[in-house]
Amino acid sequence: DGNGSWLEALPHVTVTRPGHDFTELRVDA
C-alpha cells in the first residue's frame, strides 16, 4: 500500500505519521 495516503480521505481520521512500514492515525472522539 505504500505510505497509506488514501487513509486521509476517511471521515474523522487524521494521518499523524505516514510511513512505508505502517501509517499512524488519530481517530476523533
mmCIF file of all heavy atoms, coordinates in Angstrom:
data_MODEL
# 
_entry.id   MODEL 
# 
loop_
_atom_site.group_PDB 
_atom_site.id 
_atom_site.type_symbol 
_atom_site.label_atom_id 
_atom_site.label_alt_id 
_atom_site.label_comp_id 
_atom_site.label_asym_id 
_atom_site.label_entity_id 
_atom_site.label_seq_id 
_atom_site.pdbx_PDB_ins_code 
_atom_site.Cartn_x 
_atom_site.Cartn_y 
_atom_site.Cartn_z 
_atom_site.occupancy 
_atom_site.B_iso_or_equiv 
_atom_site.pdbx_formal_charge 
_atom_site.auth_seq_id 
_atom_site.auth_comp_id 
_atom_site.auth_asym_id 
_atom_site.auth_atom_id 
_atom_site.pdbx_PDB_model_num 
ATOM 1   N N   . ASP A 1 1  ? 0.803   -1.225 0.000  1.00 0.00 ? 1  ASP A N   1 
ATOM 2   C CA  . ASP A 1 1  ? 0.000   0.000  0.000  1.00 0.00 ? 1  ASP A CA  1 
ATOM 3   C C   . ASP A 1 1  ? 0.834   1.272  0.000  1.00 0.00 ? 1  ASP A C   1 
ATOM 4   O O   . ASP A 1 1  ? 0.290   2.360  -0.008 1.00 0.00 ? 1  ASP A O   1 
ATOM 5   C CB  . ASP A 1 1  ? -0.924  -0.011 1.228  1.00 0.00 ? 1  ASP A CB  1 
ATOM 6   C CG  . ASP A 1 1  ? -1.906  1.141  1.211  1.00 0.00 ? 1  ASP A CG  1 
ATOM 7   O OD1 . ASP A 1 1  ? -2.567  1.323  0.185  1.00 0.00 ? 1  ASP A OD1 1 
ATOM 8   O OD2 . ASP A 1 1  ? -1.982  1.871  2.212  1.00 0.00 ? 1  ASP A OD2 1 
ATOM 9   N N   . GLY A 1 2  ? 2.133   1.174  0.031  1.00 0.00 ? 2  GLY A N   1 
ATOM 10  C CA  . GLY A 1 2  ? 2.958   2.379  0.057  1.00 0.00 ? 2  GLY A CA  1 
ATOM 11  C C   . GLY A 1 2  ? 2.830   3.105  1.382  1.00 0.00 ? 2  GLY A C   1 
ATOM 12  O O   . GLY A 1 2  ? 2.918   2.511  2.444  1.00 0.00 ? 2  GLY A O   1 
ATOM 13  N N   . ASN A 1 3  ? 2.554   4.406  1.315  1.00 0.00 ? 3  ASN A N   1 
ATOM 14  C CA  . ASN A 1 3  ? 2.512   5.198  2.541  1.00 0.00 ? 3  ASN A CA  1 
ATOM 15  C C   . ASN A 1 3  ? 1.110   5.372  3.118  1.00 0.00 ? 3  ASN A C   1 
ATOM 16  O O   . ASN A 1 3  ? 0.913   6.122  4.068  1.00 0.00 ? 3  ASN A O   1 
ATOM 17  C CB  . ASN A 1 3  ? 3.148   6.584  2.310  1.00 0.00 ? 3  ASN A CB  1 
ATOM 18  C CG  . ASN A 1 3  ? 2.386   7.381  1.262  1.00 0.00 ? 3  ASN A CG  1 
ATOM 19  O OD1 . ASN A 1 3  ? 1.301   6.988  0.823  1.00 0.00 ? 3  ASN A OD1 1 
ATOM 20  N ND2 . ASN A 1 3  ? 2.966   8.494  0.845  1.00 0.00 ? 3  ASN A ND2 1 
ATOM 21  N N   . GLY A 1 4  ? 0.118   4.712  2.537  1.00 0.00 ? 4  GLY A N   1 
ATOM 22  C CA  . GLY A 1 4  ? -1.240  4.764  3.089  1.00 0.00 ? 4  GLY A CA  1 
ATOM 23  C C   . GLY A 1 4  ? -1.893  6.122  2.996  1.00 0.00 ? 4  GLY A C   1 
ATOM 24  O O   . GLY A 1 4  ? -2.760  6.456  3.822  1.00 0.00 ? 4  GLY A O   1 
ATOM 25  N N   . SER A 1 5  ? -1.538  6.914  1.997  1.00 0.00 ? 5  SER A N   1 
ATOM 26  C CA  . SER A 1 5  ? -2.081  8.272  1.895  1.00 0.00 ? 5  SER A CA  1 
ATOM 27  C C   . SER A 1 5  ? -3.595  8.287  1.698  1.00 0.00 ? 5  SER A C   1 
ATOM 28  O O   . SER A 1 5  ? -4.261  9.262  2.046  1.00 0.00 ? 5  SER A O   1 
ATOM 29  C CB  . SER A 1 5  ? -1.394  9.013  0.748  1.00 0.00 ? 5  SER A CB  1 
ATOM 30  O OG  . SER A 1 5  ? -1.572  8.321  -0.473 1.00 0.00 ? 5  SER A OG  1 
ATOM 31  N N   . TRP A 1 6  ? -4.156  7.202  1.172  1.00 0.00 ? 6  TRP A N   1 
ATOM 32  C CA  . TRP A 1 6  ? -5.601  7.147  0.934  1.00 0.00 ? 6  TRP A CA  1 
ATOM 33  C C   . TRP A 1 6  ? -6.400  7.234  2.230  1.00 0.00 ? 6  TRP A C   1 
ATOM 34  O O   . TRP A 1 6  ? -7.577  7.610  2.250  1.00 0.00 ? 6  TRP A O   1 
ATOM 35  C CB  . TRP A 1 6  ? -5.972  5.841  0.214  1.00 0.00 ? 6  TRP A CB  1 
ATOM 36  C CG  . TRP A 1 6  ? -5.678  4.610  1.023  1.00 0.00 ? 6  TRP A CG  1 
ATOM 37  C CD1 . TRP A 1 6  ? -4.501  3.944  1.101  1.00 0.00 ? 6  TRP A CD1 1 
ATOM 38  C CD2 . TRP A 1 6  ? -6.582  3.935  1.899  1.00 0.00 ? 6  TRP A CD2 1 
ATOM 39  N NE1 . TRP A 1 6  ? -4.590  2.890  1.965  1.00 0.00 ? 6  TRP A NE1 1 
ATOM 40  C CE2 . TRP A 1 6  ? -5.865  2.852  2.471  1.00 0.00 ? 6  TRP A CE2 1 
ATOM 41  C CE3 . TRP A 1 6  ? -7.911  4.112  2.260  1.00 0.00 ? 6  TRP A CE3 1 
ATOM 42  C CZ2 . TRP A 1 6  ? -6.436  1.971  3.378  1.00 0.00 ? 6  TRP A CZ2 1 
ATOM 43  C CZ3 . TRP A 1 6  ? -8.489  3.231  3.172  1.00 0.00 ? 6  TRP A CZ3 1 
ATOM 44  C CH2 . TRP A 1 6  ? -7.753  2.172  3.716  1.00 0.00 ? 6  TRP A CH2 1 
ATOM 45  N N   . LEU A 1 7  ? -5.741  6.899  3.372  1.00 0.00 ? 7  LEU A N   1 
ATOM 46  C CA  . LEU A 1 7  ? -6.435  6.923  4.652  1.00 0.00 ? 7  LEU A CA  1 
ATOM 47  C C   . LEU A 1 7  ? -6.889  8.330  5.049  1.00 0.00 ? 7  LEU A C   1 
ATOM 48  O O   . LEU A 1 7  ? -7.811  8.494  5.850  1.00 0.00 ? 7  LEU A O   1 
ATOM 49  C CB  . LEU A 1 7  ? -5.525  6.352  5.740  1.00 0.00 ? 7  LEU A CB  1 
ATOM 50  C CG  . LEU A 1 7  ? -5.260  4.845  5.657  1.00 0.00 ? 7  LEU A CG  1 
ATOM 51  C CD1 . LEU A 1 7  ? -4.007  4.475  6.436  1.00 0.00 ? 7  LEU A CD1 1 
ATOM 52  C CD2 . LEU A 1 7  ? -6.463  4.060  6.165  1.00 0.00 ? 7  LEU A CD2 1 
ATOM 53  N N   . GLU A 1 8  ? -6.240  9.352  4.479  1.00 0.00 ? 8  GLU A N   1 
ATOM 54  C CA  . GLU A 1 8  ? -6.605  10.730 4.802  1.00 0.00 ? 8  GLU A CA  1 
ATOM 55  C C   . GLU A 1 8  ? -8.033  11.054 4.370  1.00 0.00 ? 8  GLU A C   1 
ATOM 56  O O   . GLU A 1 8  ? -8.636  12.010 4.878  1.00 0.00 ? 8  GLU A O   1 
ATOM 57  C CB  . GLU A 1 8  ? -5.622  11.695 4.145  1.00 0.00 ? 8  GLU A CB  1 
ATOM 58  C CG  . GLU A 1 8  ? -4.194  11.567 4.673  1.00 0.00 ? 8  GLU A CG  1 
ATOM 59  C CD  . GLU A 1 8  ? -3.230  12.498 3.962  1.00 0.00 ? 8  GLU A CD  1 
ATOM 60  O OE1 . GLU A 1 8  ? -3.662  13.151 2.983  1.00 0.00 ? 8  GLU A OE1 1 
ATOM 61  O OE2 . GLU A 1 8  ? -2.068  12.588 4.382  1.00 0.00 ? 8  GLU A OE2 1 
ATOM 62  N N   . ALA A 1 9  ? -8.574  10.265 3.438  1.00 0.00 ? 9  ALA A N   1 
ATOM 63  C CA  . ALA A 1 9  ? -9.928  10.532 2.948  1.00 0.00 ? 9  ALA A CA  1 
ATOM 64  C C   . ALA A 1 9  ? -11.012 9.989  3.869  1.00 0.00 ? 9  ALA A C   1 
ATOM 65  O O   . ALA A 1 9  ? -12.192 10.332 3.709  1.00 0.00 ? 9  ALA A O   1 
ATOM 66  C CB  . ALA A 1 9  ? -10.093 9.931  1.549  1.00 0.00 ? 9  ALA A CB  1 
ATOM 67  N N   . LEU A 1 10 ? -10.644 9.164  4.850  1.00 0.00 ? 10 LEU A N   1 
ATOM 68  C CA  . LEU A 1 10 ? -11.644 8.596  5.752  1.00 0.00 ? 10 LEU A CA  1 
ATOM 69  C C   . LEU A 1 10 ? -12.176 9.673  6.699  1.00 0.00 ? 10 LEU A C   1 
ATOM 70  O O   . LEU A 1 10 ? -11.424 10.522 7.169  1.00 0.00 ? 10 LEU A O   1 
ATOM 71  C CB  . LEU A 1 10 ? -11.032 7.459  6.575  1.00 0.00 ? 10 LEU A CB  1 
ATOM 72  C CG  . LEU A 1 10 ? -10.567 6.220  5.794  1.00 0.00 ? 10 LEU A CG  1 
ATOM 73  C CD1 . LEU A 1 10 ? -9.931  5.217  6.747  1.00 0.00 ? 10 LEU A CD1 1 
ATOM 74  C CD2 . LEU A 1 10 ? -11.736 5.581  5.047  1.00 0.00 ? 10 LEU A CD2 1 
ATOM 75  N N   . PRO A 1 11 ? -13.480 9.656  7.005  1.00 0.00 ? 11 PRO A N   1 
ATOM 76  C CA  . PRO A 1 11 ? -14.035 10.655 7.922  1.00 0.00 ? 11 PRO A CA  1 
ATOM 77  C C   . PRO A 1 11 ? -13.549 10.439 9.354  1.00 0.00 ? 11 PRO A C   1 
ATOM 78  O O   . PRO A 1 11 ? -13.311 9.303  9.780  1.00 0.00 ? 11 PRO A O   1 
ATOM 79  C CB  . PRO A 1 11 ? -15.551 10.424 7.814  1.00 0.00 ? 11 PRO A CB  1 
ATOM 80  C CG  . PRO A 1 11 ? -15.690 9.001  7.360  1.00 0.00 ? 11 PRO A CG  1 
ATOM 81  C CD  . PRO A 1 11 ? -14.503 8.728  6.485  1.00 0.00 ? 11 PRO A CD  1 
ATOM 82  N N   . HIS A 1 12 ? -13.388 11.546 10.075 1.00 0.00 ? 12 HIS A N   1 
ATOM 83  C CA  . HIS A 1 12 ? -12.998 11.535 11.488 1.00 0.00 ? 12 HIS A CA  1 
ATOM 84  C C   . HIS A 1 12 ? -11.621 10.923 11.719 1.00 0.00 ? 12 HIS A C   1 
ATOM 85  O O   . HIS A 1 12 ? -11.325 10.407 12.799 1.00 0.00 ? 12 HIS A O   1 
ATOM 86  C CB  . HIS A 1 12 ? -14.034 10.774 12.337 1.00 0.00 ? 12 HIS A CB  1 
ATOM 87  C CG  . HIS A 1 12 ? -15.434 11.258 12.155 1.00 0.00 ? 12 HIS A CG  1 
ATOM 88  N ND1 . HIS A 1 12 ? -15.836 12.513 12.534 1.00 0.00 ? 12 HIS A ND1 1 
ATOM 89  C CD2 . HIS A 1 12 ? -16.509 10.650 11.597 1.00 0.00 ? 12 HIS A CD2 1 
ATOM 90  C CE1 . HIS A 1 12 ? -17.116 12.668 12.248 1.00 0.00 ? 12 HIS A CE1 1 
ATOM 91  N NE2 . HIS A 1 12 ? -17.554 11.552 11.671 1.00 0.00 ? 12 HIS A NE2 1 
ATOM 92  N N   . VAL A 1 13 ? -10.786 10.959 10.702 1.00 0.00 ? 13 VAL A N   1 
ATOM 93  C CA  . VAL A 1 13 ? -9.443  10.367 10.779 1.00 0.00 ? 13 VAL A CA  1 
ATOM 94  C C   . VAL A 1 13 ? -8.421  11.393 10.301 1.00 0.00 ? 13 VAL A C   1 
ATOM 95  O O   . VAL A 1 13 ? -8.631  12.070 9.301  1.00 0.00 ? 13 VAL A O   1 
ATOM 96  C CB  . VAL A 1 13 ? -9.359  9.088  9.912  1.00 0.00 ? 13 VAL A CB  1 
ATOM 97  C CG1 . VAL A 1 13 ? -7.905  8.662  9.727  1.00 0.00 ? 13 VAL A CG1 1 
ATOM 98  C CG2 . VAL A 1 13 ? -10.156 7.967  10.543 1.00 0.00 ? 13 VAL A CG2 1 
ATOM 99  N N   . THR A 1 14 ? -7.311  11.494 11.047 1.00 0.00 ? 14 THR A N   1 
ATOM 100 C CA  . THR A 1 14 ? -6.203  12.365 10.657 1.00 0.00 ? 14 THR A CA  1 
ATOM 101 C C   . THR A 1 14 ? -4.922  11.542 10.649 1.00 0.00 ? 14 THR A C   1 
ATOM 102 O O   . THR A 1 14 ? -4.619  10.858 11.635 1.00 0.00 ? 14 THR A O   1 
ATOM 103 C CB  . THR A 1 14 ? -6.036  13.537 11.643 1.00 0.00 ? 14 THR A CB  1 
ATOM 104 O OG1 . THR A 1 14 ? -7.254  14.270 11.718 1.00 0.00 ? 14 THR A OG1 1 
ATOM 105 C CG2 . THR A 1 14 ? -4.914  14.467 11.196 1.00 0.00 ? 14 THR A CG2 1 
ATOM 106 N N   . VAL A 1 15 ? -4.190  11.574 9.551  1.00 0.00 ? 15 VAL A N   1 
ATOM 107 C CA  . VAL A 1 15 ? -2.898  10.886 9.476  1.00 0.00 ? 15 VAL A CA  1 
ATOM 108 C C   . VAL A 1 15 ? -1.880  11.711 10.247 1.00 0.00 ? 15 VAL A C   1 
ATOM 109 O O   . VAL A 1 15 ? -1.616  12.864 9.911  1.00 0.00 ? 15 VAL A O   1 
ATOM 110 C CB  . VAL A 1 15 ? -2.453  10.690 8.020  1.00 0.00 ? 15 VAL A CB  1 
ATOM 111 C CG1 . VAL A 1 15 ? -1.047  10.081 7.971  1.00 0.00 ? 15 VAL A CG1 1 
ATOM 112 C CG2 . VAL A 1 15 ? -3.433  9.783  7.279  1.00 0.00 ? 15 VAL A CG2 1 
ATOM 113 N N   . THR A 1 16 ? -1.325  11.131 11.288 1.00 0.00 ? 16 THR A N   1 
ATOM 114 C CA  . THR A 1 16 ? -0.351  11.841 12.118 1.00 0.00 ? 16 THR A CA  1 
ATOM 115 C C   . THR A 1 16 ? 1.082   11.440 11.820 1.00 0.00 ? 16 THR A C   1 
ATOM 116 O O   . THR A 1 16 ? 2.009   12.195 12.092 1.00 0.00 ? 16 THR A O   1 
ATOM 117 C CB  . THR A 1 16 ? -0.631  11.590 13.618 1.00 0.00 ? 16 THR A CB  1 
ATOM 118 O OG1 . THR A 1 16 ? -0.628  10.176 13.878 1.00 0.00 ? 16 THR A OG1 1 
ATOM 119 C CG2 . THR A 1 16 ? -1.970  12.173 14.015 1.00 0.00 ? 16 THR A CG2 1 
ATOM 120 N N   . ARG A 1 17 ? 1.268   10.243 11.256 1.00 0.00 ? 17 ARG A N   1 
ATOM 121 C CA  . ARG A 1 17 ? 2.630   9.773  10.984 1.00 0.00 ? 17 ARG A CA  1 
ATOM 122 C C   . ARG A 1 17 ? 2.603   8.815  9.804  1.00 0.00 ? 17 ARG A C   1 
ATOM 123 O O   . ARG A 1 17 ? 2.477   7.600  9.978  1.00 0.00 ? 17 ARG A O   1 
ATOM 124 C CB  . ARG A 1 17 ? 3.204   9.096  12.223 1.00 0.00 ? 17 ARG A CB  1 
ATOM 125 C CG  . ARG A 1 17 ? 4.720   8.890  12.187 1.00 0.00 ? 17 ARG A CG  1 
ATOM 126 C CD  . ARG A 1 17 ? 5.242   8.495  13.548 1.00 0.00 ? 17 ARG A CD  1 
ATOM 127 N NE  . ARG A 1 17 ? 5.010   9.526  14.540 1.00 0.00 ? 17 ARG A NE  1 
ATOM 128 C CZ  . ARG A 1 17 ? 5.282   9.381  15.842 1.00 0.00 ? 17 ARG A CZ  1 
ATOM 129 N NH1 . ARG A 1 17 ? 5.776   8.256  16.292 1.00 0.00 ? 17 ARG A NH1 1 
ATOM 130 N NH2 . ARG A 1 17 ? 5.034   10.368 16.688 1.00 0.00 ? 17 ARG A NH2 1 
ATOM 131 N N   . PRO A 1 18 ? 2.729   9.338  8.584  1.00 0.00 ? 18 PRO A N   1 
ATOM 132 C CA  . PRO A 1 18 ? 2.771   8.436  7.426  1.00 0.00 ? 18 PRO A CA  1 
ATOM 133 C C   . PRO A 1 18 ? 4.096   7.698  7.380  1.00 0.00 ? 18 PRO A C   1 
ATOM 134 O O   . PRO A 1 18 ? 5.114   8.166  7.901  1.00 0.00 ? 18 PRO A O   1 
ATOM 135 C CB  . PRO A 1 18 ? 2.625   9.395  6.238  1.00 0.00 ? 18 PRO A CB  1 
ATOM 136 C CG  . PRO A 1 18 ? 3.154   10.698 6.740  1.00 0.00 ? 18 PRO A CG  1 
ATOM 137 C CD  . PRO A 1 18 ? 2.826   10.749 8.203  1.00 0.00 ? 18 PRO A CD  1 
ATOM 138 N N   . GLY A 1 19 ? 4.083   6.525  6.791  1.00 0.00 ? 19 GLY A N   1 
ATOM 139 C CA  . GLY A 1 19 ? 5.325   5.765  6.674  1.00 0.00 ? 19 GLY A CA  1 
ATOM 140 C C   . GLY A 1 19 ? 5.132   4.547  5.809  1.00 0.00 ? 19 GLY A C   1 
ATOM 141 O O   . GLY A 1 19 ? 4.001   4.147  5.506  1.00 0.00 ? 19 GLY A O   1 
ATOM 142 N N   . HIS A 1 20 ? 6.228   3.957  5.352  1.00 0.00 ? 20 HIS A N   1 
ATOM 143 C CA  . HIS A 1 20 ? 6.151   2.779  4.482  1.00 0.00 ? 20 HIS A CA  1 
ATOM 144 C C   . HIS A 1 20 ? 5.906   1.504  5.287  1.00 0.00 ? 20 HIS A C   1 
ATOM 145 O O   . HIS A 1 20 ? 5.325   0.553  4.773  1.00 0.00 ? 20 HIS A O   1 
ATOM 146 C CB  . HIS A 1 20 ? 7.437   2.662  3.662  1.00 0.00 ? 20 HIS A CB  1 
ATOM 147 C CG  . HIS A 1 20 ? 7.582   3.757  2.646  1.00 0.00 ? 20 HIS A CG  1 
ATOM 148 N ND1 . HIS A 1 20 ? 6.848   3.793  1.480  1.00 0.00 ? 20 HIS A ND1 1 
ATOM 149 C CD2 . HIS A 1 20 ? 8.361   4.859  2.622  1.00 0.00 ? 20 HIS A CD2 1 
ATOM 150 C CE1 . HIS A 1 20 ? 7.173   4.875  0.781  1.00 0.00 ? 20 HIS A CE1 1 
ATOM 151 N NE2 . HIS A 1 20 ? 8.092   5.540  1.460  1.00 0.00 ? 20 HIS A NE2 1 
ATOM 152 N N   . ASP A 1 21 ? 6.362   1.461  6.558  1.00 0.00 ? 21 ASP A N   1 
ATOM 153 C CA  . ASP A 1 21 ? 6.125   0.274  7.385  1.00 0.00 ? 21 ASP A CA  1 
ATOM 154 C C   . ASP A 1 21 ? 4.704   0.245  7.928  1.00 0.00 ? 21 ASP A C   1 
ATOM 155 O O   . ASP A 1 21 ? 4.067   -0.800 7.962  1.00 0.00 ? 21 ASP A O   1 
ATOM 156 C CB  . ASP A 1 21 ? 7.124   0.222  8.539  1.00 0.00 ? 21 ASP A CB  1 
ATOM 157 C CG  . ASP A 1 21 ? 8.551   0.033  8.048  1.00 0.00 ? 21 ASP A CG  1 
ATOM 158 O OD1 . ASP A 1 21 ? 8.716   -0.593 6.985  1.00 0.00 ? 21 ASP A OD1 1 
ATOM 159 O OD2 . ASP A 1 21 ? 9.473   0.514  8.721  1.00 0.00 ? 21 ASP A OD2 1 
ATOM 160 N N   . PHE A 1 22 ? 4.214   1.374  8.373  1.00 0.00 ? 22 PHE A N   1 
ATOM 161 C CA  . PHE A 1 22 ? 2.835   1.493  8.849  1.00 0.00 ? 22 PHE A CA  1 
ATOM 162 C C   . PHE A 1 22 ? 2.453   2.962  8.839  1.00 0.00 ? 22 PHE A C   1 
ATOM 163 O O   . PHE A 1 22 ? 3.325   3.854  8.770  1.00 0.00 ? 22 PHE A O   1 
ATOM 164 C CB  . PHE A 1 22 ? 2.660   0.900  10.256 1.00 0.00 ? 22 PHE A CB  1 
ATOM 165 C CG  . PHE A 1 22 ? 3.400   1.641  11.335 1.00 0.00 ? 22 PHE A CG  1 
ATOM 166 C CD1 . PHE A 1 22 ? 2.817   2.711  12.006 1.00 0.00 ? 22 PHE A CD1 1 
ATOM 167 C CD2 . PHE A 1 22 ? 4.691   1.268  11.682 1.00 0.00 ? 22 PHE A CD2 1 
ATOM 168 C CE1 . PHE A 1 22 ? 3.503   3.394  12.992 1.00 0.00 ? 22 PHE A CE1 1 
ATOM 169 C CE2 . PHE A 1 22 ? 5.385   1.946  12.671 1.00 0.00 ? 22 PHE A CE2 1 
ATOM 170 C CZ  . PHE A 1 22 ? 4.789   3.015  13.322 1.00 0.00 ? 22 PHE A CZ  1 
ATOM 171 N N   . THR A 1 23 ? 1.162   3.226  8.900  1.00 0.00 ? 23 THR A N   1 
ATOM 172 C CA  . THR A 1 23 ? 0.656   4.592  8.981  1.00 0.00 ? 23 THR A CA  1 
ATOM 173 C C   . THR A 1 23 ? -0.045  4.765  10.319 1.00 0.00 ? 23 THR A C   1 
ATOM 174 O O   . THR A 1 23 ? -0.821  3.903  10.736 1.00 0.00 ? 23 THR A O   1 
ATOM 175 C CB  . THR A 1 23 ? -0.343  4.868  7.836  1.00 0.00 ? 23 THR A CB  1 
ATOM 176 O OG1 . THR A 1 23 ? 0.319   4.668  6.582  1.00 0.00 ? 23 THR A OG1 1 
ATOM 177 C CG2 . THR A 1 23 ? -0.863  6.297  7.912  1.00 0.00 ? 23 THR A CG2 1 
ATOM 178 N N   . GLU A 1 24 ? 0.254   5.880  10.991 1.00 0.00 ? 24 GLU A N   1 
ATOM 179 C CA  . GLU A 1 24 ? -0.376  6.153  12.275 1.00 0.00 ? 24 GLU A CA  1 
ATOM 180 C C   . GLU A 1 24 ? -1.468  7.196  12.083 1.00 0.00 ? 24 GLU A C   1 
ATOM 181 O O   . GLU A 1 24 ? -1.273  8.208  11.398 1.00 0.00 ? 24 GLU A O   1 
ATOM 182 C CB  . GLU A 1 24 ? 0.661   6.655  13.276 1.00 0.00 ? 24 GLU A CB  1 
ATOM 183 C CG  . GLU A 1 24 ? 0.120   6.812  14.694 1.00 0.00 ? 24 GLU A CG  1 
ATOM 184 C CD  . GLU A 1 24 ? 1.216   7.116  15.689 1.00 0.00 ? 24 GLU A CD  1 
ATOM 185 O OE1 . GLU A 1 24 ? 1.918   6.178  16.110 1.00 0.00 ? 24 GLU A OE1 1 
ATOM 186 O OE2 . GLU A 1 24 ? 1.377   8.312  16.032 1.00 0.00 ? 24 GLU A OE2 1 
ATOM 187 N N   . LEU A 1 25 ? -2.620  6.949  12.697 1.00 0.00 ? 25 LEU A N   1 
ATOM 188 C CA  . LEU A 1 25 ? -3.780  7.808  12.532 1.00 0.00 ? 25 LEU A CA  1 
ATOM 189 C C   . LEU A 1 25 ? -4.315  8.248  13.878 1.00 0.00 ? 25 LEU A C   1 
ATOM 190 O O   . LEU A 1 25 ? -4.193  7.525  14.869 1.00 0.00 ? 25 LEU A O   1 
ATOM 191 C CB  . LEU A 1 25 ? -4.911  7.058  11.806 1.00 0.00 ? 25 LEU A CB  1 
ATOM 192 C CG  . LEU A 1 25 ? -4.553  6.204  10.594 1.00 0.00 ? 25 LEU A CG  1 
ATOM 193 C CD1 . LEU A 1 25 ? -5.724  5.317  10.244 1.00 0.00 ? 25 LEU A CD1 1 
ATOM 194 C CD2 . LEU A 1 25 ? -4.218  7.106  9.422  1.00 0.00 ? 25 LEU A CD2 1 
ATOM 195 N N   . ARG A 1 26 ? -4.952  9.399  13.887 1.00 0.00 ? 26 ARG A N   1 
ATOM 196 C CA  . ARG A 1 26 ? -5.739  9.818  15.038 1.00 0.00 ? 26 ARG A CA  1 
ATOM 197 C C   . ARG A 1 26 ? -7.206  9.677  14.676 1.00 0.00 ? 26 ARG A C   1 
ATOM 198 O O   . ARG A 1 26 ? -7.659  10.234 13.669 1.00 0.00 ? 26 ARG A O   1 
ATOM 199 C CB  . ARG A 1 26 ? -5.450  11.265 15.412 1.00 0.00 ? 26 ARG A CB  1 
ATOM 200 C CG  . ARG A 1 26 ? -6.176  11.705 16.692 1.00 0.00 ? 26 ARG A CG  1 
ATOM 201 C CD  . ARG A 1 26 ? -5.921  13.161 17.004 1.00 0.00 ? 26 ARG A CD  1 
ATOM 202 N NE  . ARG A 1 26 ? -6.557  14.029 16.022 1.00 0.00 ? 26 ARG A NE  1 
ATOM 203 C CZ  . ARG A 1 26 ? -6.276  15.324 15.882 1.00 0.00 ? 26 ARG A CZ  1 
ATOM 204 N NH1 . ARG A 1 26 ? -5.348  15.874 16.616 1.00 0.00 ? 26 ARG A NH1 1 
ATOM 205 N NH2 . ARG A 1 26 ? -6.910  16.042 14.974 1.00 0.00 ? 26 ARG A NH2 1 
ATOM 206 N N   . VAL A 1 27 ? -7.947  8.944  15.500 1.00 0.00 ? 27 VAL A N   1 
ATOM 207 C CA  . VAL A 1 27 ? -9.379  8.760  15.286 1.00 0.00 ? 27 VAL A CA  1 
ATOM 208 C C   . VAL A 1 27 ? -10.111 9.634  16.288 1.00 0.00 ? 27 VAL A C   1 
ATOM 209 O O   . VAL A 1 27 ? -9.901  9.525  17.496 1.00 0.00 ? 27 VAL A O   1 
ATOM 210 C CB  . VAL A 1 27 ? -9.778  7.279  15.462 1.00 0.00 ? 27 VAL A CB  1 
ATOM 211 C CG1 . VAL A 1 27 ? -11.286 7.110  15.250 1.00 0.00 ? 27 VAL A CG1 1 
ATOM 212 C CG2 . VAL A 1 27 ? -9.005  6.403  14.483 1.00 0.00 ? 27 VAL A CG2 1 
ATOM 213 N N   . ASP A 1 28 ? -10.954 10.534 15.810 1.00 0.00 ? 28 ASP A N   1 
ATOM 214 C CA  . ASP A 1 28 ? -11.626 11.510 16.655 1.00 0.00 ? 28 ASP A CA  1 
ATOM 215 C C   . ASP A 1 28 ? -12.486 10.836 17.720 1.00 0.00 ? 28 ASP A C   1 
ATOM 216 O O   . ASP A 1 28 ? -12.954 9.701  17.555 1.00 0.00 ? 28 ASP A O   1 
ATOM 217 C CB  . ASP A 1 28 ? -12.507 12.438 15.812 1.00 0.00 ? 28 ASP A CB  1 
ATOM 218 C CG  . ASP A 1 28 ? -11.695 13.330 14.891 1.00 0.00 ? 28 ASP A CG  1 
ATOM 219 O OD1 . ASP A 1 28 ? -10.484 13.491 15.152 1.00 0.00 ? 28 ASP A OD1 1 
ATOM 220 O OD2 . ASP A 1 28 ? -12.268 13.860 13.918 1.00 0.00 ? 28 ASP A OD2 1 
ATOM 221 N N   . ALA A 1 29 ? -12.706 11.570 18.818 1.00 0.00 ? 29 ALA A N   1 
ATOM 222 C CA  . ALA A 1 29 ? -13.564 11.088 19.894 1.00 0.00 ? 29 ALA A CA  1 
ATOM 223 C C   . ALA A 1 29 ? -14.952 10.760 19.349 1.00 0.00 ? 29 ALA A C   1 
ATOM 224 O O   . ALA A 1 29 ? -15.532 11.519 18.576 1.00 0.00 ? 29 ALA A O   1 
ATOM 225 C CB  . ALA A 1 29 ? -13.665 12.150 20.987 1.00 0.00 ? 29 ALA A CB  1 
# 
